C-alpha atoms as a PDB file:
ATOM      1  CA  MET A   1      12.742 269.965 197.289  1.00  0.00           C
ATOM      2  CA  ALA A   2      13.044 273.419 198.764  1.00  0.00           C
ATOM      3  CA  TRP A   3      11.529 273.912 202.177  1.00  0.00           C
ATOM      4  CA  ARG A   4       9.274 276.759 203.205  1.00  0.00           C
ATOM      5  CA  ASP A   5       8.542 278.206 206.648  1.00  0.00           C
ATOM      6  CA  GLU A   6       6.528 275.423 208.249  1.00  0.00           C
ATOM      7  CA  ARG A   7       6.447 272.828 210.988  1.00  0.00           C
ATOM      8  CA  GLY A   8       7.458 269.217 210.807  1.00  0.00           C
ATOM      9  CA  GLU A   9       9.511 266.586 212.575  1.00  0.00           C
ATOM     10  CA  LEU A  10      13.203 265.857 212.804  1.00  0.00           C
ATOM     11  CA  VAL A  11      13.777 262.102 212.863  1.00  0.00           C
ATOM     12  CA  VAL A  12      17.005 261.016 214.573  1.00  0.00           C
ATOM     13  CA  PRO A  13      17.908 257.357 213.992  1.00  0.00           C
ATOM     14  CA  SER A  14      18.374 255.293 217.146  1.00  0.00           C
ATOM     15  CA  ASP A  15      20.489 252.288 217.923  1.00  0.00           C
ATOM     16  CA  GLU A  16      19.275 248.984 216.542  1.00  0.00           C
ATOM     17  CA  GLY A  17      16.184 247.694 218.278  1.00  0.00           C
ATOM     18  CA  GLN A  18      15.184 251.122 219.551  1.00  0.00           C
ATOM     19  CA  PRO A  19      12.574 253.394 217.964  1.00  0.00           C
ATOM     20  CA  ASP A  20      13.800 256.511 216.149  1.00  0.00           C
ATOM     21  CA  VAL A  21      13.607 259.778 218.078  1.00  0.00           C
ATOM     22  CA  ARG A  22      10.999 262.149 216.597  1.00  0.00           C
ATOM     23  CA  VAL A  23      11.465 265.807 217.517  1.00  0.00           C
ATOM     24  CA  PRO A  24       9.010 268.668 216.808  1.00  0.00           C
ATOM     25  CA  LEU A  25      10.639 270.928 214.237  1.00  0.00           C
ATOM     26  CA  GLU A  26      10.168 274.488 213.054  1.00  0.00           C
ATOM     27  CA  ILE A  27      11.604 275.176 209.605  1.00  0.00           C
ATOM     28  CA  ALA A  28      12.950 278.650 208.883  1.00  0.00           C
ATOM     29  CA  ALA A  29      13.558 278.834 205.137  1.00  0.00           C
ATOM     30  CA  SER A  30      12.744 282.465 204.360  1.00  0.00           C
ATOM     31  CA  TYR A  31      15.296 285.205 204.928  1.00  0.00           C
ATOM     32  CA  ARG A  32      13.052 286.803 207.548  1.00  0.00           C
ATOM     33  CA  ALA A  33      12.524 283.586 209.521  1.00  0.00           C
ATOM     34  CA  ARG A  34      16.233 282.670 209.408  1.00  0.00           C
ATOM     35  CA  THR A  35      17.213 286.164 210.552  1.00  0.00           C
ATOM     36  CA  LYS A  36      14.864 285.989 213.541  1.00  0.00           C
ATOM     37  CA  GLY A  37      15.813 282.417 214.456  1.00  0.00           C
ATOM     38  CA  LEU A  38      15.691 281.934 218.229  1.00  0.00           C
ATOM     39  CA  LEU A  39      16.175 285.615 219.108  1.00  0.00           C
ATOM     40  CA  GLY A  40      14.071 286.674 222.063  1.00  0.00           C
ATOM     41  CA  ARG A  41      13.055 283.144 223.062  1.00  0.00           C
ATOM     42  CA  THR A  42      13.709 281.713 226.495  1.00  0.00           C
ATOM     43  CA  SER A  43      12.914 278.116 225.526  1.00  0.00           C
ATOM     44  CA  LEU A  44      12.228 275.894 222.536  1.00  0.00           C
ATOM     45  CA  ASN A  45      10.046 272.808 222.289  1.00  0.00           C
ATOM     46  CA  GLY A  46      12.012 270.664 219.859  1.00  0.00           C
ATOM     47  CA  ALA A  47      14.310 272.147 217.234  1.00  0.00           C
ATOM     48  CA  LEU A  48      14.649 274.879 214.629  1.00  0.00           C
ATOM     49  CA  LEU A  49      16.014 274.123 211.152  1.00  0.00           C
ATOM     50  CA  LEU A  50      17.643 277.026 209.310  1.00  0.00           C
ATOM     51  CA  SER A  51      17.915 276.405 205.584  1.00  0.00           C
ATOM     52  CA  PRO A  52      19.998 277.383 203.778  1.00  0.00           C
ATOM     53  CA  ALA A  53      22.628 278.173 206.406  1.00  0.00           C
ATOM     54  CA  ASN A  54      26.239 277.242 207.127  1.00  0.00           C
ATOM     55  CA  SER A  55      26.908 279.345 210.237  1.00  0.00           C
ATOM     56  CA  ILE A  56      25.045 280.984 213.110  1.00  0.00           C
ATOM     57  CA  HIS A  57      25.536 283.434 215.940  1.00  0.00           C
ATOM     58  CA  THR A  58      24.094 283.622 219.439  1.00  0.00           C
ATOM     59  CA  PHE A  59      24.199 287.401 219.889  1.00  0.00           C
ATOM     60  CA  ARG A  60      21.133 288.682 221.810  1.00  0.00           C
ATOM     61  CA  MET A  61      20.075 285.128 222.672  1.00  0.00           C
ATOM     62  CA  ARG A  62      18.846 284.377 226.159  1.00  0.00           C
ATOM     63  CA  MET A  63      19.926 280.741 226.426  1.00  0.00           C
ATOM     64  CA  PRO A  64      22.770 278.441 225.414  1.00  0.00           C
ATOM     65  CA  ILE A  65      21.943 276.250 222.416  1.00  0.00           C
ATOM     66  CA  ASP A  66      23.046 273.057 220.719  1.00  0.00           C
ATOM     67  CA  VAL A  67      23.907 273.484 217.045  1.00  0.00           C
ATOM     68  CA  ALA A  68      24.127 270.710 214.432  1.00  0.00           C
ATOM     69  CA  TYR A  69      25.584 271.509 211.017  1.00  0.00           C
ATOM     70  CA  LEU A  70      24.127 269.341 208.229  1.00  0.00           C
ATOM     71  CA  ASP A  71      25.380 268.748 204.699  1.00  0.00           C
ATOM     72  CA  ARG A  72      23.123 268.688 201.630  1.00  0.00           C
ATOM     73  CA  ARG A  73      22.165 265.059 202.298  1.00  0.00           C
ATOM     74  CA  LEU A  74      21.234 265.848 205.920  1.00  0.00           C
ATOM     75  CA  ARG A  75      24.296 264.113 207.338  1.00  0.00           C
ATOM     76  CA  VAL A  76      25.545 265.696 210.575  1.00  0.00           C
ATOM     77  CA  ILE A  77      28.926 267.372 210.054  1.00  0.00           C
ATOM     78  CA  ALA A  78      29.371 268.651 213.614  1.00  0.00           C
ATOM     79  CA  VAL A  79      27.439 269.208 216.841  1.00  0.00           C
ATOM     80  CA  ARG A  80      28.384 272.066 219.160  1.00  0.00           C
ATOM     81  CA  THR A  81      26.978 273.775 222.257  1.00  0.00           C
ATOM     82  CA  MET A  82      27.176 277.567 222.128  1.00  0.00           C
ATOM     83  CA  PRO A  83      26.586 280.049 224.960  1.00  0.00           C
ATOM     84  CA  PRO A  84      24.906 283.412 224.232  1.00  0.00           C
ATOM     85  CA  GLY A  85      27.043 286.098 222.605  1.00  0.00           C
ATOM     86  CA  ARG A  86      29.154 283.880 220.334  1.00  0.00           C
ATOM     87  CA  LEU A  87      29.819 283.706 216.610  1.00  0.00           C
ATOM     88  CA  GLY A  88      30.025 280.245 215.069  1.00  0.00           C
ATOM     89  CA  LEU A  89      32.551 279.736 212.297  1.00  0.00           C
ATOM     90  CA  PRO A  90      31.085 278.899 208.889  1.00  0.00           C
ATOM     91  CA  ARG A  91      31.238 275.222 207.914  1.00  0.00           C
ATOM     92  CA  VAL A  92      32.181 274.887 204.252  1.00  0.00           C
ATOM     93  CA  ARG A  93      30.126 271.744 203.525  1.00  0.00           C
ATOM     94  CA  ALA A  94      27.151 272.764 205.687  1.00  0.00           C
ATOM     95  CA  ARG A  95      23.869 273.576 203.933  1.00  0.00           C
ATOM     96  CA  HIS A  96      21.508 273.508 206.925  1.00  0.00           C
ATOM     97  CA  VAL A  97      21.730 274.202 210.657  1.00  0.00           C
ATOM     98  CA  VAL A  98      19.582 272.701 213.410  1.00  0.00           C
ATOM     99  CA  GLU A  99      19.306 274.553 216.727  1.00  0.00           C
ATOM    100  CA  SER A 100      17.850 273.316 220.021  1.00  0.00           C
ATOM    101  CA  GLU A 101      18.139 273.986 223.737  1.00  0.00           C
ATOM    102  CA  ALA A 102      21.545 273.063 225.154  1.00  0.00           C
ATOM    103  CA  GLY A 103      21.721 269.373 226.046  1.00  0.00           C
ATOM    104  CA  ALA A 104      18.784 268.302 223.864  1.00  0.00           C
ATOM    105  CA  MET A 105      20.854 266.822 221.048  1.00  0.00           C
ATOM    106  CA  ALA A 106      22.769 264.585 223.450  1.00  0.00           C
ATOM    107  CA  GLU A 107      19.417 263.330 224.797  1.00  0.00           C
ATOM    108  CA  TRP A 108      18.294 262.525 221.238  1.00  0.00           C
ATOM    109  CA  GLY A 109      21.576 260.700 220.549  1.00  0.00           C
ATOM    110  CA  LEU A 110      22.457 263.077 217.692  1.00  0.00           C
ATOM    111  CA  ARG A 111      26.154 262.932 216.760  1.00  0.00           C
ATOM    112  CA  SER A 112      28.492 263.563 213.839  1.00  0.00           C
ATOM    113  CA  GLY A 113      28.156 261.173 210.922  1.00  0.00           C
ATOM    114  CA  MET A 114      24.459 260.421 211.431  1.00  0.00           C
ATOM    115  CA  ARG A 115      21.935 261.106 208.698  1.00  0.00           C
ATOM    116  CA  VAL A 116      18.685 262.654 209.919  1.00  0.00           C
ATOM    117  CA  THR A 117      15.331 262.902 208.178  1.00  0.00           C
ATOM    118  CA  VAL A 118      12.968 265.864 207.998  1.00  0.00           C
ATOM    119  CA  VAL A 119       9.259 265.095 207.749  1.00  0.00           C
ATOM    120  CA  THR A 120       7.034 267.959 206.594  1.00  0.00           C
ATOM    121  CA  SER A 121       4.023 266.479 204.869  1.00  0.00           C
ATOM    122  CA  PRO A 122       0.835 265.566 206.715  1.00  0.00           C
ATOM    123  CA  PRO A 123       0.448 261.877 207.591  1.00  0.00           C
ATOM    124  CA  ASP A 124      -1.062 259.576 204.979  1.00  0.00           C
ATOM    125  CA  PRO A 125      -4.641 258.786 206.140  1.00  0.00           C
ATOM    126  CA  ASP A 126      -4.220 255.099 205.237  1.00  0.00           C
ATOM    127  CA  THR A 127      -0.885 254.379 206.907  1.00  0.00           C
ATOM    128  CA  GLY A 128      -0.613 257.227 209.430  1.00  0.00           C
ATOM    129  CA  GLN A 129       2.980 257.788 208.270  1.00  0.00           C
ATOM    130  CA  ALA A 130       4.297 261.127 207.053  1.00  0.00           C
ATOM    131  CA  THR A 131       6.474 261.282 203.956  1.00  0.00           C
ATOM    132  CA  PRO A 132      10.114 262.238 204.575  1.00  0.00           C
ATOM    133  CA  THR A 133      11.485 265.007 202.407  1.00  0.00           C
ATOM    134  CA  THR A 134      15.080 265.737 201.475  1.00  0.00           C
ATOM    135  CA  PRO A 135      16.031 269.059 199.896  1.00  0.00           C
ATOM    136  CA  ARG A 136      17.939 269.219 196.646  1.00  0.00           C
ATOM    137  CA  ALA A 137      21.310 270.877 196.853  1.00  0.00           C
END
């Protein structure tokens, strides 16, 4: 499934016995939305998913950010914190990039090797659960 510019949730799996962490998510799938990204913002409530993307930059940004590179199956390849004015090296296997305020990903427990889920559909009226979606490579 290909994403479009929309809102959803990023679901980060937690340790056994703990509930998963659900993070508000903005999805930037169009060229225009990916190009704008976090430029001009001073804060972010949740995270921004850039898709497709395998690298980012922080030129003209006003805040340091956490960056998670995801492969086509939404497995985390790497997590980095980047200050403004930097160019991130492209990650060969990366297909998506998640950005958040610096320190947020550590709070969520996001680390390399984890597989996250993106939820974009509205909740089912009977169960109250949204349907997870995974893009096709």
